[in-house]
Amino acid sequence: MHKIKRDDLVKVIAGKDRDKQGKVLHVDMKNDRVVVEGVNMITKHVKPGAGNPQGGIVQKEAALDISNVMLVVDGKATRVGFEVRRQKSSRCESNRKSN
């Protein structure tokens, strides 16, 4: 079970897109990677085909390591943990105090 799920709002905390926020589009649990909307954009050269008859250069999101994003709750990046209550685990957030 991962701390980040699809459709969560996350903030990038490391890399070239640091401090950007976006919605999680896809979570790859096997490789611990996430795809975030509008973050880590790459250019891909596409051949002409049925979906794109002209082909050309396309901008798309690439995957980030899951450790490079933090969940955003109430406008703040927060740490996420798990709490076990009555034999059931649930995700809980805790805001870190900033100095």
Protein backbone atom coordinates (compact mmCIF):
# COMPACT_ATOMS: atom_id res chain seq x y z
CA MET A 1 0.00 0.00 0.00
CA HIS A 2 1.42 3.37 -1.02
CA LYS A 3 0.98 6.75 0.56
CA ILE A 4 0.24 8.45 -2.77
CA LYS A 5 -2.87 7.50 -4.77
CA ARG A 6 -4.32 8.49 -8.14
CA ASP A 7 -6.08 11.91 -8.22
CA ASP A 8 -4.16 13.14 -5.13
CA LEU A 9 -2.75 16.66 -5.23
CA VAL A 10 1.02 16.45 -4.75
CA LYS A 11 4.01 18.79 -4.61
CA VAL A 12 7.37 17.93 -6.17
CA ILE A 13 10.14 18.25 -3.56
CA ALA A 14 13.21 17.36 -5.66
CA GLY A 15 14.47 17.68 -9.22
CA LYS A 16 14.14 20.22 -12.01
CA ASP A 17 10.42 20.76 -11.31
CA ARG A 18 10.82 21.36 -7.56
CA ASP A 19 7.93 23.26 -5.88
CA LYS A 20 5.46 22.53 -8.71
CA GLN A 21 2.08 21.05 -7.83
CA GLY A 22 -0.14 18.77 -9.83
CA LYS A 23 -2.65 15.94 -9.79
CA VAL A 24 -1.40 12.34 -9.87
CA LEU A 25 -2.41 10.70 -13.15
CA HIS A 26 -0.86 7.26 -12.65
CA VAL A 27 0.89 5.32 -9.88
CA ASP A 28 3.27 2.47 -10.81
CA MET A 29 3.45 0.44 -7.60
CA LYS A 30 5.91 -2.09 -9.00
CA ASN A 31 8.59 0.51 -9.80
CA ASP A 32 7.59 3.13 -7.15
CA ARG A 33 6.97 5.85 -9.72
CA VAL A 34 4.18 8.39 -10.30
CA VAL A 35 3.08 10.51 -13.26
CA VAL A 36 2.03 14.03 -12.24
CA GLU A 37 -0.01 16.34 -14.47
CA GLY A 38 2.12 19.12 -16.02
CA VAL A 39 5.35 18.04 -14.27
CA ASN A 40 8.53 16.45 -15.72
CA MET A 41 7.53 17.21 -19.31
CA ILE A 42 9.50 15.49 -22.09
CA THR A 43 9.46 15.84 -25.86
CA LYS A 44 8.63 12.66 -27.74
CA HIS A 45 9.05 12.23 -31.49
CA VAL A 46 5.97 10.41 -32.80
CA LYS A 47 5.67 8.62 -36.13
CA PRO A 48 2.52 9.15 -38.18
CA GLY A 49 -0.19 6.63 -37.33
CA ALA A 50 -3.92 6.17 -36.93
CA GLY A 51 -4.15 8.27 -33.76
CA ASN A 52 -1.84 11.02 -35.02
CA PRO A 53 -1.83 11.05 -38.86
CA GLN A 54 0.68 13.89 -39.13
CA GLY A 55 3.17 12.72 -36.48
CA GLY A 56 5.64 15.25 -35.10
CA ILE A 57 6.96 16.29 -31.70
CA VAL A 58 4.67 15.79 -28.69
CA GLN A 59 5.04 17.09 -25.12
CA LYS A 60 4.06 14.55 -22.45
CA GLU A 61 4.59 13.84 -18.76
CA ALA A 62 7.27 11.38 -17.68
CA ALA A 63 7.31 9.37 -14.46
CA LEU A 64 8.90 10.63 -11.23
CA ASP A 65 10.13 8.58 -8.32
CA ILE A 66 7.45 8.44 -5.62
CA SER A 67 9.97 9.66 -3.02
CA ASN A 68 10.23 13.00 -4.85
CA VAL A 69 6.61 14.02 -4.21
CA MET A 70 4.62 14.92 -1.07
CA LEU A 71 0.88 14.95 -0.56
CA VAL A 72 -0.71 18.42 -0.34
CA VAL A 73 -3.45 18.88 2.28
CA ASP A 74 -5.01 22.31 2.94
CA GLY A 75 -2.37 23.98 0.74
CA LYS A 76 0.62 22.52 2.62
CA ALA A 77 2.90 19.61 1.77
CA THR A 78 2.40 17.02 4.50
CA ARG A 79 3.91 13.76 5.66
CA VAL A 80 1.69 10.73 5.33
CA GLY A 81 1.55 7.75 7.65
CA PHE A 82 -0.74 4.84 8.38
CA GLU A 83 -2.90 4.38 11.43
CA VAL A 84 -4.33 1.01 12.42
CA ARG A 85 -7.75 1.15 14.06
CA ARG A 86 -9.76 -1.99 14.79
CA GLN A 87 -7.84 -4.25 12.40
CA LYS A 88 -8.10 -1.75 9.53
CA SER A 89 -5.34 0.55 8.33
CA SER A 90 -6.08 4.02 7.01
CA ARG A 91 -4.00 6.86 5.61
CA CYS A 92 -3.48 9.84 7.92
CA GLU A 93 -1.76 13.18 7.36
CA SER A 94 0.32 15.18 9.79
CA ASN A 95 1.47 18.73 9.14
CA ARG A 96 5.05 19.46 10.01
CA LYS A 97 5.64 22.60 12.02
CA SER A 98 7.74 25.11 10.11
CA ASN A 99 10.23 27.31 11.96
